[in-house]
Amino acid sequence: MAANPAITAIFGALSDPTRLAIVERLLKEGERSAGEIAEPFPISKPAISKHLRVLEHAGLIERRVARQWRVCRVRPEAIRAVDDWMRQYRKFWQGSFDRLEQALALPDTEEPLP
């Protein structure tokens, strides 16, 4: 199966712990300026700006100008795309886990398996 370029970009962006934390914060708290996003991180504002650019290029966030600030928010379409992608694998894994649970519920046999 060919990889979906949009999903590959999203997961690539989220593979960095700082970028993942930024997205989690935006999901919990909503729109934030770059300065507000940078506050809890022990890295420079230029480094945060680079992380924001990666997230924006991956389609995870969008930035808009509000007065003199650039405000960031998570793009719901990106989260929906990840959920859609995961849904197809969730069905497969759920079936596998159900079969494993059934196998583990069987009584033990005295004979070792070959």
PDB file of N, CA and C in Angstrom:
ATOM      1  N   MET A   1       0.849  -1.169   0.000  1.00  0.00           N
ATOM      2  CA  MET A   1       0.000   0.000   0.000  1.00  0.00           C
ATOM      3  C   MET A   1       0.897   1.235   0.000  1.00  0.00           C
ATOM      4  N   ALA A   2       0.586   2.176  -0.881  1.00  0.00           N
ATOM      5  CA  ALA A   2       1.369   3.408  -0.977  1.00  0.00           C
ATOM      6  C   ALA A   2       1.055   4.321   0.206  1.00  0.00           C
ATOM      7  N   ALA A   3       2.086   4.989   0.688  1.00  0.00           N
ATOM      8  CA  ALA A   3       1.917   5.900   1.822  1.00  0.00           C
ATOM      9  C   ALA A   3       1.196   7.164   1.360  1.00  0.00           C
ATOM     10  N   ASN A   4       0.322   7.657   2.197  1.00  0.00           N
ATOM     11  CA  ASN A   4      -0.384   8.907   1.951  1.00  0.00           C
ATOM     12  C   ASN A   4       0.566  10.047   2.326  1.00  0.00           C
ATOM     13  N   PRO A   5       0.936  10.901   1.362  1.00  0.00           N
ATOM     14  CA  PRO A   5       1.915  11.964   1.659  1.00  0.00           C
ATOM     15  C   PRO A   5       1.481  12.912   2.779  1.00  0.00           C
ATOM     16  N   ALA A   6       0.184  13.215   2.846  1.00  0.00           N
ATOM     17  CA  ALA A   6      -0.291  14.122   3.905  1.00  0.00           C
ATOM     18  C   ALA A   6      -0.119  13.483   5.275  1.00  0.00           C
ATOM     19  N   ILE A   7      -0.462  12.216   5.391  1.00  0.00           N
ATOM     20  CA  ILE A   7      -0.333  11.507   6.676  1.00  0.00           C
ATOM     21  C   ILE A   7       1.143  11.348   7.030  1.00  0.00           C
ATOM     22  N   THR A   8       1.971  11.062   6.045  1.00  0.00           N
ATOM     23  CA  THR A   8       3.409  10.937   6.285  1.00  0.00           C
ATOM     24  C   THR A   8       3.970  12.248   6.826  1.00  0.00           C
ATOM     25  N   ALA A   9       3.553  13.372   6.256  1.00  0.00           N
ATOM     26  CA  ALA A   9       4.026  14.682   6.720  1.00  0.00           C
ATOM     27  C   ALA A   9       3.543  14.962   8.147  1.00  0.00           C
ATOM     28  N   ILE A  10       2.297  14.609   8.435  1.00  0.00           N
ATOM     29  CA  ILE A  10       1.752  14.844   9.772  1.00  0.00           C
ATOM     30  C   ILE A  10       2.507  14.031  10.809  1.00  0.00           C
ATOM     31  N   PHE A  11       2.665  12.729  10.559  1.00  0.00           N
ATOM     32  CA  PHE A  11       3.370  11.892  11.534  1.00  0.00           C
ATOM     33  C   PHE A  11       4.840  12.284  11.646  1.00  0.00           C
ATOM     34  N   GLY A  12       5.446  12.705  10.535  1.00  0.00           N
ATOM     35  CA  GLY A  12       6.820  13.192  10.595  1.00  0.00           C
ATOM     36  C   GLY A  12       6.942  14.406  11.494  1.00  0.00           C
ATOM     37  N   ALA A  13       6.001  15.326  11.355  1.00  0.00           N
ATOM     38  CA  ALA A  13       6.018  16.536  12.194  1.00  0.00           C
ATOM     39  C   ALA A  13       5.790  16.184  13.657  1.00  0.00           C
ATOM     40  N   LEU A  14       4.888  15.252  13.916  1.00  0.00           N
ATOM     41  CA  LEU A  14       4.572  14.890  15.302  1.00  0.00           C
ATOM     42  C   LEU A  14       5.613  13.985  15.943  1.00  0.00           C
ATOM     43  N   SER A  15       6.584  13.515  15.171  1.00  0.00           N
ATOM     44  CA  SER A  15       7.604  12.623  15.730  1.00  0.00           C
ATOM     45  C   SER A  15       8.569  13.357  16.668  1.00  0.00           C
ATOM     46  N   ASP A  16       8.562  14.671  16.614  1.00  0.00           N
ATOM     47  CA  ASP A  16       9.409  15.464  17.508  1.00  0.00           C
ATOM     48  C   ASP A  16       8.618  15.777  18.788  1.00  0.00           C
ATOM     49  N   PRO A  17       9.183  15.499  19.968  1.00  0.00           N
ATOM     50  CA  PRO A  17       8.449  15.730  21.221  1.00  0.00           C
ATOM     51  C   PRO A  17       7.998  17.174  21.431  1.00  0.00           C
ATOM     52  N   THR A  18       8.783  18.137  21.010  1.00  0.00           N
ATOM     53  CA  THR A  18       8.399  19.535  21.174  1.00  0.00           C
ATOM     54  C   THR A  18       7.203  19.865  20.297  1.00  0.00           C
ATOM     55  N   ARG A  19       7.233  19.415  19.053  1.00  0.00           N
ATOM     56  CA  ARG A  19       6.116  19.695  18.157  1.00  0.00           C
ATOM     57  C   ARG A  19       4.849  18.982  18.623  1.00  0.00           C
ATOM     58  N   LEU A  20       5.003  17.764  19.108  1.00  0.00           N
ATOM     59  CA  LEU A  20       3.840  17.043  19.648  1.00  0.00           C
ATOM     60  C   LEU A  20       3.253  17.803  20.833  1.00  0.00           C
ATOM     61  N   ALA A  21       4.115  18.297  21.720  1.00  0.00           N
ATOM     62  CA  ALA A  21       3.643  19.064  22.886  1.00  0.00           C
ATOM     63  C   ALA A  21       2.954  20.358  22.462  1.00  0.00           C
ATOM     64  N   ILE A  22       3.450  20.991  21.417  1.00  0.00           N
ATOM     65  CA  ILE A  22       2.818  22.217  20.912  1.00  0.00           C
ATOM     66  C   ILE A  22       1.406  21.911  20.424  1.00  0.00           C
ATOM     67  N   VAL A  23       1.265  20.851  19.643  1.00  0.00           N
ATOM     68  CA  VAL A  23      -0.054  20.484  19.125  1.00  0.00           C
ATOM     69  C   VAL A  23      -0.989  20.103  20.270  1.00  0.00           C
ATOM     70  N   GLU A  24      -0.493  19.340  21.233  1.00  0.00           N
ATOM     71  CA  GLU A  24      -1.329  18.971  22.378  1.00  0.00           C
ATOM     72  C   GLU A  24      -1.806  20.216  23.127  1.00  0.00           C
ATOM     73  N   ARG A  25      -0.907  21.168  23.304  1.00  0.00           N
ATOM     74  CA  ARG A  25      -1.276  22.403  24.004  1.00  0.00           C
ATOM     75  C   ARG A  25      -2.331  23.185  23.229  1.00  0.00           C
ATOM     76  N   LEU A  26      -2.149  23.286  21.920  1.00  0.00           N
ATOM     77  CA  LEU A  26      -3.134  24.003  21.106  1.00  0.00           C
ATOM     78  C   LEU A  26      -4.486  23.293  21.111  1.00  0.00           C
ATOM     79  N   LEU A  27      -4.467  21.974  21.135  1.00  0.00           N
ATOM     80  CA  LEU A  27      -5.736  21.233  21.194  1.00  0.00           C
ATOM     81  C   LEU A  27      -6.457  21.482  22.518  1.00  0.00           C
ATOM     82  N   LYS A  28      -5.700  21.546  23.602  1.00  0.00           N
ATOM     83  CA  LYS A  28      -6.298  21.750  24.927  1.00  0.00           C
ATOM     84  C   LYS A  28      -6.719  23.190  25.164  1.00  0.00           C
ATOM     85  N   GLU A  29      -5.889  24.134  24.710  1.00  0.00           N
ATOM     86  CA  GLU A  29      -6.086  25.541  25.076  1.00  0.00           C
ATOM     87  C   GLU A  29      -6.616  26.412  23.950  1.00  0.00           C
ATOM     88  N   GLY A  30      -6.639  25.909  22.745  1.00  0.00           N
ATOM     89  CA  GLY A  30      -7.115  26.714  21.622  1.00  0.00           C
ATOM     90  C   GLY A  30      -6.025  27.612  21.061  1.00  0.00           C
ATOM     91  N   GLU A  31      -6.437  28.610  20.303  1.00  0.00           N
ATOM     92  CA  GLU A  31      -5.494  29.513  19.636  1.00  0.00           C
ATOM     93  C   GLU A  31      -4.526  30.153  20.623  1.00  0.00           C
ATOM     94  N   ARG A  32      -3.277  30.264  20.184  1.00  0.00           N
ATOM     95  CA  ARG A  32      -2.241  30.910  20.998  1.00  0.00           C
ATOM     96  C   ARG A  32      -1.274  31.626  20.062  1.00  0.00           C
ATOM     97  N   SER A  33      -0.707  32.699  20.573  1.00  0.00           N
ATOM     98  CA  SER A  33       0.334  33.398  19.814  1.00  0.00           C
ATOM     99  C   SER A  33       1.626  32.585  19.924  1.00  0.00           C
ATOM    100  N   ALA A  34       2.543  32.862  19.026  1.00  0.00           N
ATOM    101  CA  ALA A  34       3.825  32.158  19.053  1.00  0.00           C
ATOM    102  C   ALA A  34       4.532  32.380  20.393  1.00  0.00           C
ATOM    103  N   GLY A  35       4.442  33.596  20.927  1.00  0.00           N
ATOM    104  CA  GLY A  35       5.059  33.893  22.223  1.00  0.00           C
ATOM    105  C   GLY A  35       4.449  33.082  23.347  1.00  0.00           C
ATOM    106  N   GLU A  36       3.130  32.946  23.330  1.00  0.00           N
ATOM    107  CA  GLU A  36       2.457  32.139  24.354  1.00  0.00           C
ATOM    108  C   GLU A  36       2.828  30.667  24.214  1.00  0.00           C
ATOM    109  N   ILE A  37       2.939  30.213  22.989  1.00  0.00           N
ATOM    110  CA  ILE A  37       3.317  28.818  22.750  1.00  0.00           C
ATOM    111  C   ILE A  37       4.723  28.557  23.286  1.00  0.00           C
ATOM    112  N   ALA A  38       5.615  29.529  23.117  1.00  0.00           N
ATOM    113  CA  ALA A  38       7.017  29.361  23.506  1.00  0.00           C
ATOM    114  C   ALA A  38       7.236  29.341  25.020  1.00  0.00           C
ATOM    115  N   GLU A  39       6.339  29.966  25.786  1.00  0.00           N
ATOM    116  CA  GLU A  39       6.545  30.155  27.231  1.00  0.00           C
ATOM    117  C   GLU A  39       7.009  28.918  28.003  1.00  0.00           C
ATOM    118  N   PRO A  40       6.338  27.766  27.894  1.00  0.00           N
ATOM    119  CA  PRO A  40       6.743  26.652  28.754  1.00  0.00           C
ATOM    120  C   PRO A  40       7.976  25.877  28.274  1.00  0.00           C
ATOM    121  N   PHE A  41       8.484  26.213  27.099  1.00  0.00           N
ATOM    122  CA  PHE A  41       9.582  25.431  26.534  1.00  0.00           C
ATOM    123  C   PHE A  41      10.937  26.069  26.820  1.00  0.00           C
ATOM    124  N   PRO A  42      11.918  25.252  27.185  1.00  0.00           N
ATOM    125  CA  PRO A  42      13.249  25.779  27.495  1.00  0.00           C
ATOM    126  C   PRO A  42      14.123  25.965  26.252  1.00  0.00           C
ATOM    127  N   ILE A  43      13.501  26.412  25.169  1.00  0.00           N
ATOM    128  CA  ILE A  43      14.252  26.659  23.936  1.00  0.00           C
ATOM    129  C   ILE A  43      13.958  28.073  23.464  1.00  0.00           C
ATOM    130  N   SER A  44      14.752  28.552  22.522  1.00  0.00           N
ATOM    131  CA  SER A  44      14.626  29.934  22.058  1.00  0.00           C
ATOM    132  C   SER A  44      13.351  30.131  21.229  1.00  0.00           C
ATOM    133  N   LYS A  45      12.943  31.378  21.135  1.00  0.00           N
ATOM    134  CA  LYS A  45      11.782  31.701  20.306  1.00  0.00           C
ATOM    135  C   LYS A  45      12.032  31.378  18.826  1.00  0.00           C
ATOM    136  N   PRO A  46      13.260  31.627  18.307  1.00  0.00           N
ATOM    137  CA  PRO A  46      13.510  31.207  16.920  1.00  0.00           C
ATOM    138  C   PRO A  46      13.359  29.688  16.723  1.00  0.00           C
ATOM    139  N   ALA A  47      13.741  28.910  17.721  1.00  0.00           N
ATOM    140  CA  ALA A  47      13.574  27.458  17.616  1.00  0.00           C
ATOM    141  C   ALA A  47      12.094  27.095  17.598  1.00  0.00           C
ATOM    142  N   ILE A  48      11.297  27.772  18.428  1.00  0.00           N
ATOM    143  CA  ILE A  48       9.847  27.547  18.428  1.00  0.00           C
ATOM    144  C   ILE A  48       9.278  27.917  17.064  1.00  0.00           C
ATOM    145  N   SER A  49       9.743  29.018  16.490  1.00  0.00           N
ATOM    146  CA  SER A  49       9.276  29.439  15.165  1.00  0.00           C
ATOM    147  C   SER A  49       9.554  28.372  14.111  1.00  0.00           C
ATOM    148  N   LYS A  50      10.724  27.744  14.201  1.00  0.00           N
ATOM    149  CA  LYS A  50      11.052  26.658  13.260  1.00  0.00           C
ATOM    150  C   LYS A  50      10.088  25.491  13.437  1.00  0.00           C
ATOM    151  N   HIS A  51       9.800  25.140  14.689  1.00  0.00           N
ATOM    152  CA  HIS A  51       8.850  24.056  14.954  1.00  0.00           C
ATOM    153  C   HIS A  51       7.470  24.406  14.393  1.00  0.00           C
ATOM    154  N   LEU A  52       7.057  25.647  14.572  1.00  0.00           N
ATOM    155  CA  LEU A  52       5.759  26.072  14.053  1.00  0.00           C
ATOM    156  C   LEU A  52       5.717  26.000  12.530  1.00  0.00           C
ATOM    157  N   ARG A  53       6.817  26.350  11.876  1.00  0.00           N
ATOM    158  CA  ARG A  53       6.874  26.251  10.414  1.00  0.00           C
ATOM    159  C   ARG A  53       6.732  24.801   9.964  1.00  0.00           C
ATOM    160  N   VAL A  54       7.395  23.881  10.663  1.00  0.00           N
ATOM    161  CA  VAL A  54       7.276  22.452  10.318  1.00  0.00           C
ATOM    162  C   VAL A  54       5.826  22.000  10.462  1.00  0.00           C
ATOM    163  N   LEU A  55       5.192  22.385  11.560  1.00  0.00           N
ATOM    164  CA  LEU A  55       3.791  22.012  11.789  1.00  0.00           C
ATOM    165  C   LEU A  55       2.877  22.619  10.724  1.00  0.00           C
ATOM    166  N   GLU A  56       3.176  23.844  10.340  1.00  0.00           N
ATOM    167  CA  GLU A  56       2.365  24.507   9.313  1.00  0.00           C
ATOM    168  C   GLU A  56       2.551  23.825   7.961  1.00  0.00           C
ATOM    169  N   HIS A  57       3.786  23.514   7.597  1.00  0.00           N
ATOM    170  CA  HIS A  57       4.063  22.854   6.313  1.00  0.00           C
ATOM    171  C   HIS A  57       3.437  21.460   6.261  1.00  0.00           C
ATOM    172  N   ALA A  58       3.310  20.804   7.403  1.00  0.00           N
ATOM    173  CA  ALA A  58       2.674  19.487   7.466  1.00  0.00           C
ATOM    174  C   ALA A  58       1.149  19.590   7.428  1.00  0.00           C
ATOM    175  N   GLY A  59       0.634  20.809   7.519  1.00  0.00           N
ATOM    176  CA  GLY A  59      -0.805  21.008   7.488  1.00  0.00           C
ATOM    177  C   GLY A  59      -1.493  20.825   8.827  1.00  0.00           C
ATOM    178  N   LEU A  60      -0.716  20.721   9.897  1.00  0.00           N
ATOM    179  CA  LEU A  60      -1.289  20.512  11.226  1.00  0.00           C
ATOM    180  C   LEU A  60      -1.822  21.791  11.864  1.00  0.00           C
ATOM    181  N   ILE A  61      -1.160  22.888  11.606  1.00  0.00           N
ATOM    182  CA  ILE A  61      -1.614  24.159  12.181  1.00  0.00           C
ATOM    183  C   ILE A  61      -1.742  25.184  11.073  1.00  0.00           C
ATOM    184  N   GLU A  62      -2.458  26.241  11.404  1.00  0.00           N
ATOM    185  CA  GLU A  62      -2.486  27.396  10.522  1.00  0.00           C
ATOM    186  C   GLU A  62      -2.237  28.625  11.375  1.00  0.00           C
ATOM    187  N   ARG A  63      -1.635  29.624  10.751  1.00  0.00           N
ATOM    188  CA  ARG A  63      -1.326  30.864  11.464  1.00  0.00           C
ATOM    189  C   ARG A  63      -2.043  32.017  10.767  1.00  0.00           C
ATOM    190  N   ARG A  64      -2.492  32.947  11.573  1.00  0.00           N
ATOM    191  CA  ARG A  64      -3.125  34.146  11.042  1.00  0.00           C
ATOM    192  C   ARG A  64      -2.619  35.338  11.839  1.00  0.00           C
ATOM    193  N   VAL A  65      -2.711  36.487  11.235  1.00  0.00           N
ATOM    194  CA  VAL A  65      -2.281  37.709  11.903  1.00  0.00           C
ATOM    195  C   VAL A  65      -3.467  38.290  12.664  1.00  0.00           C
ATOM    196  N   ALA A  66      -3.253  38.541  13.954  1.00  0.00           N
ATOM    197  CA  ALA A  66      -4.255  39.199  14.797  1.00  0.00           C
ATOM    198  C   ALA A  66      -3.552  40.379  15.456  1.00  0.00           C
ATOM    199  N   ARG A  67      -3.812  41.569  14.943  1.00  0.00           N
ATOM    200  CA  ARG A  67      -3.093  42.785  15.344  1.00  0.00           C
ATOM    201  C   ARG A  67      -1.614  42.596  15.039  1.00  0.00           C
ATOM    202  N   GLN A  68      -0.762  42.669  16.079  1.00  0.00           N
ATOM    203  CA  GLN A  68       0.678  42.517  15.824  1.00  0.00           C
ATOM    204  C   GLN A  68       1.168  41.090  16.086  1.00  0.00           C
ATOM    205  N   TRP A  69       0.276  40.169  16.406  1.00  0.00           N
ATOM    206  CA  TRP A  69       0.681  38.797  16.716  1.00  0.00           C
ATOM    207  C   TRP A  69       0.294  37.842  15.598  1.00  0.00           C
ATOM    208  N   ARG A  70       1.055  36.769  15.530  1.00  0.00           N
ATOM    209  CA  ARG A  70       0.686  35.651  14.658  1.00  0.00           C
ATOM    210  C   ARG A  70       0.092  34.577  15.574  1.00  0.00           C
ATOM    211  N   VAL A  71      -1.166  34.293  15.365  1.00  0.00           N
ATOM    212  CA  VAL A  71      -1.896  33.352  16.205  1.00  0.00           C
ATOM    213  C   VAL A  71      -1.967  32.004  15.497  1.00  0.00           C
ATOM    214  N   CYS A  72      -1.729  30.943  16.265  1.00  0.00           N
ATOM    215  CA  CYS A  72      -1.723  29.589  15.709  1.00  0.00           C
ATOM    216  C   CYS A  72      -2.905  28.792  16.234  1.00  0.00           C
ATOM    217  N   ARG A  73      -3.404  27.916  15.394  1.00  0.00           N
ATOM    218  CA  ARG A  73      -4.438  26.984  15.824  1.00  0.00           C
ATOM    219  C   ARG A  73      -4.271  25.674  15.063  1.00  0.00           C
ATOM    220  N   VAL A  74      -4.775  24.602  15.651  1.00  0.00           N
ATOM    221  CA  VAL A  74      -4.732  23.298  14.993  1.00  0.00           C
ATOM    222  C   VAL A  74      -5.798  23.285  13.904  1.00  0.00           C
ATOM    223  N   ARG A  75      -5.448  22.721  12.768  1.00  0.00           N
ATOM    224  CA  ARG A  75      -6.413  22.565  11.676  1.00  0.00           C
ATOM    225  C   ARG A  75      -7.232  21.301  11.924  1.00  0.00           C
ATOM    226  N   PRO A  76      -8.541  21.429  12.137  1.00  0.00           N
ATOM    227  CA  PRO A  76      -9.374  20.250  12.404  1.00  0.00           C
ATOM    228  C   PRO A  76      -9.294  19.206  11.293  1.00  0.00           C
ATOM    229  N   GLU A  77      -9.093  19.661  10.055  1.00  0.00           N
ATOM    230  CA  GLU A  77      -9.005  18.726   8.927  1.00  0.00           C
ATOM    231  C   GLU A  77      -7.832  17.768   9.083  1.00  0.00           C
ATOM    232  N   ALA A  78      -6.736  18.258   9.655  1.00  0.00           N
ATOM    233  CA  ALA A  78      -5.562  17.397   9.854  1.00  0.00           C
ATOM    234  C   ALA A  78      -5.849  16.317  10.881  1.00  0.00           C
ATOM    235  N   ILE A  79      -6.519  16.694  11.970  1.00  0.00           N
ATOM    236  CA  ILE A  79      -6.858  15.716  13.004  1.00  0.00           C
ATOM    237  C   ILE A  79      -7.851  14.710  12.437  1.00  0.00           C
ATOM    238  N   ARG A  80      -8.791  15.170  11.647  1.00  0.00           N
ATOM    239  CA  ARG A  80      -9.763  14.283  11.008  1.00  0.00           C
ATOM    240  C   ARG A  80      -9.060  13.310  10.061  1.00  0.00           C
ATOM    241  N   ALA A  81      -8.075  13.783   9.312  1.00  0.00           N
ATOM    242  CA  ALA A  81      -7.338  12.915   8.387  1.00  0.00           C
ATOM    243  C   ALA A  81      -6.605  11.806   9.146  1.00  0.00           C
ATOM    244  N   VAL A  82      -5.996  12.159  10.277  1.00  0.00           N
ATOM    245  CA  VAL A  82      -5.307  11.146  11.091  1.00  0.00           C
ATOM    246  C   VAL A  82      -6.314  10.141  11.630  1.00  0.00           C
ATOM    247  N   ASP A  83      -7.453  10.628  12.106  1.00  0.00           N
ATOM    248  CA  ASP A  83      -8.486   9.733  12.636  1.00  0.00           C
ATOM    249  C   ASP A  83      -8.989   8.793  11.540  1.00  0.00           C
ATOM    250  N   ASP A  84      -9.225   9.303  10.349  1.00  0.00           N
ATOM    251  CA  ASP A  84      -9.670   8.457   9.231  1.00  0.00           C
ATOM    252  C   ASP A  84      -8.629   7.397   8.901  1.00  0.00           C
ATOM    253  N   TRP A  85      -7.371   7.792   8.888  1.00  0.00           N
ATOM    254  CA  TRP A  85      -6.283   6.854   8.583  1.00  0.00           C
ATOM    255  C   TRP A  85      -6.208   5.767   9.649  1.00  0.00           C
ATOM    256  N   MET A  86      -6.323   6.169  10.908  1.00  0.00           N
ATOM    257  CA  MET A  86      -6.226   5.201  12.003  1.00  0.00           C
ATOM    258  C   MET A  86      -7.435   4.275  12.053  1.00  0.00           C
ATOM    259  N   ARG A  87      -8.587   4.747  11.645  1.00  0.00           N
ATOM    260  CA  ARG A  87      -9.809   3.943  11.682  1.00  0.00           C
ATOM    261  C   ARG A  87      -9.643   2.646  10.894  1.00  0.00           C
ATOM    262  N   GLN A  88      -9.009   2.722   9.729  1.00  0.00           N
ATOM    263  CA  GLN A  88      -8.847   1.518   8.914  1.00  0.00           C
ATOM    264  C   GLN A  88      -7.959   0.481   9.611  1.00  0.00           C
ATOM    265  N   TYR A  89      -6.990   0.928  10.370  1.00  0.00           N
ATOM    266  CA  TYR A  89      -6.105   0.000  11.080  1.00  0.00           C
ATOM    267  C   TYR A  89      -6.712  -0.436  12.406  1.00  0.00           C
ATOM    268  N   ARG A  90      -7.539   0.391  12.992  1.00  0.00           N
ATOM    269  CA  ARG A  90      -8.208   0.048  14.240  1.00  0.00           C
ATOM    270  C   ARG A  90      -9.060  -1.205  14.056  1.00  0.00           C
ATOM    271  N   LYS A  91      -9.775  -1.295  12.926  1.00  0.00           N
ATOM    272  CA  LYS A  91     -10.605  -2.469  12.643  1.00  0.00           C
ATOM    273  C   LYS A  91      -9.742  -3.729  12.610  1.00  0.00           C
ATOM    274  N   PHE A  92      -8.621  -3.656  11.914  1.00  0.00           N
ATOM    275  CA  PHE A  92      -7.720  -4.812  11.827  1.00  0.00           C
ATOM    276  C   PHE A  92      -7.208  -5.212  13.204  1.00  0.00           C
ATOM    277  N   TRP A  93      -6.683  -4.251  13.954  1.00  0.00           N
ATOM    278  CA  TRP A  93      -6.096  -4.562  15.249  1.00  0.00           C
ATOM    279  C   TRP A  93      -7.136  -5.025  16.256  1.00  0.00           C
ATOM    280  N   GLN A  94      -8.327  -4.461  16.196  1.00  0.00           N
ATOM    281  CA  GLN A  94      -9.367  -4.895  17.132  1.00  0.00           C
ATOM    282  C   GLN A  94      -9.701  -6.362  16.891  1.00  0.00           C
ATOM    283  N   GLY A  95      -9.802  -6.751  15.626  1.00  0.00           N
ATOM    284  CA  GLY A  95     -10.050  -8.162  15.307  1.00  0.00           C
ATOM    285  C   GLY A  95      -8.924  -9.049  15.804  1.00  0.00           C
ATOM    286  N   SER A  96      -7.687  -8.602  15.651  1.00  0.00           N
ATOM    287  CA  SER A  96      -6.538  -9.377  16.123  1.00  0.00           C
ATOM    288  C   SER A  96      -6.550  -9.509  17.642  1.00  0.00           C
ATOM    289  N   PHE A  97      -6.867  -8.431  18.329  1.00  0.00           N
ATOM    290  CA  PHE A  97      -6.917  -8.476  19.796  1.00  0.00           C
ATOM    291  C   PHE A  97      -8.055  -9.370  20.276  1.00  0.00           C
ATOM    292  N   ASP A  98      -9.190  -9.339  19.570  1.00  0.00           N
ATOM    293  CA  ASP A  98     -10.320 -10.195  19.943  1.00  0.00           C
ATOM    294  C   ASP A  98      -9.935 -11.663  19.806  1.00  0.00           C
ATOM    295  N   ARG A  99      -9.241 -12.012  18.706  1.00  0.00           N
ATOM    296  CA  ARG A  99      -8.808 -13.413  18.517  1.00  0.00           C
ATOM    297  C   ARG A  99      -7.783 -13.817  19.567  1.00  0.00           C
ATOM    298  N   LEU A 100      -6.876 -12.927  19.927  1.00  0.00           N
ATOM    299  CA  LEU A 100      -5.887 -13.223  20.951  1.00  0.00           C
ATOM    300  C   LEU A 100      -6.573 -13.451  22.295  1.00  0.00           C
ATOM    301  N   GLU A 101      -7.543 -12.616  22.621  1.00  0.00           N
ATOM    302  CA  GLU A 101      -8.273 -12.770  23.880  1.00  0.00           C
ATOM    303  C   GLU A 101      -8.989 -14.119  23.932  1.00  0.00           C
ATOM    304  N   GLN A 102      -9.574 -14.530  22.809  1.00  0.00           N
ATOM    305  CA  GLN A 102     -10.251 -15.832  22.759  1.00  0.00           C
ATOM    306  C   GLN A 102      -9.252 -16.966  22.942  1.00  0.00           C
ATOM    307  N   ALA A 103      -8.097 -16.848  22.307  1.00  0.00           N
ATOM    308  CA  ALA A 103      -7.078 -17.894  22.429  1.00  0.00           C
ATOM    309  C   ALA A 103      -6.561 -17.993  23.856  1.00  0.00           C
ATOM    310  N   LEU A 104      -6.391 -16.859  24.510  1.00  0.00           N
ATOM    311  CA  LEU A 104      -5.899 -16.865  25.882  1.00  0.00           C
ATOM    312  C   LEU A 104      -6.934 -17.402  26.858  1.00  0.00           C
ATOM    313  N   ALA A 105      -8.188 -17.353  26.489  1.00  0.00           N
ATOM    314  CA  ALA A 105      -9.257 -17.851  27.363  1.00  0.00           C
ATOM    315  C   ALA A 105      -9.408 -19.360  27.291  1.00  0.00           C
ATOM    316  N   LEU A 106      -8.793 -19.992  26.279  1.00  0.00           N
ATOM    317  CA  LEU A 106      -8.875 -21.451  26.164  1.00  0.00           C
ATOM    318  C   LEU A 106      -8.108 -22.104  27.306  1.00  0.00           C
ATOM    319  N   PRO A 107      -8.592 -23.272  27.761  1.00  0.00           N
ATOM    320  CA  PRO A 107      -7.865 -23.963  28.837  1.00  0.00           C
ATOM    321  C   PRO A 107      -6.484 -24.416  28.367  1.00  0.00           C
ATOM    322  N   ASP A 108      -5.536 -24.407  29.290  1.00  0.00           N
ATOM    323  CA  ASP A 108      -4.186 -24.875  28.969  1.00  0.00           C
ATOM    324  C   ASP A 108      -4.218 -26.375  28.696  1.00  0.00           C
ATOM    325  N   THR A 109      -3.387 -26.798  27.772  1.00  0.00           N
ATOM    326  CA  THR A 109      -3.259 -28.226  27.509  1.00  0.00           C
ATOM    327  C   THR A 109      -2.012 -28.723  28.211  1.00  0.00           C
ATOM    328  N   GLU A 110      -2.011 -30.012  28.494  1.00  0.00           N
ATOM    329  CA  GLU A 110      -0.863 -30.613  29.172  1.00  0.00           C
ATOM    330  C   GLU A 110       0.300 -30.828  28.221  1.00  0.00           C
ATOM    331  N   GLU A 111      -0.005 -30.944  26.948  1.00  0.00           N
ATOM    332  CA  GLU A 111       1.041 -31.235  25.979  1.00  0.00           C
ATOM    333  C   GLU A 111       1.646 -29.925  25.474  1.00  0.00           C
ATOM    334  N   PRO A 112       2.978 -29.870  25.436  1.00  0.00           N
ATOM    335  CA  PRO A 112       3.602 -28.659  24.874  1.00  0.00           C
ATOM    336  C   PRO A 112       3.358 -28.591  23.375  1.00  0.00           C
ATOM    337  N   LEU A 113       3.271 -27.404  22.877  1.00  0.00           N
ATOM    338  CA  LEU A 113       3.093 -27.218  21.443  1.00  0.00           C
ATOM    339  C   LEU A 113       4.391 -27.527  20.722  1.00  0.00           C
ATOM    340  N   PRO A 114       4.296 -28.074  19.494  1.00  0.00           N
ATOM    341  CA  PRO A 114       5.530 -28.413  18.742  1.00  0.00           C
ATOM    342  C   PRO A 114       6.318 -27.193  18.355  1.00  0.00           C
TER     343      PRO A 114
END
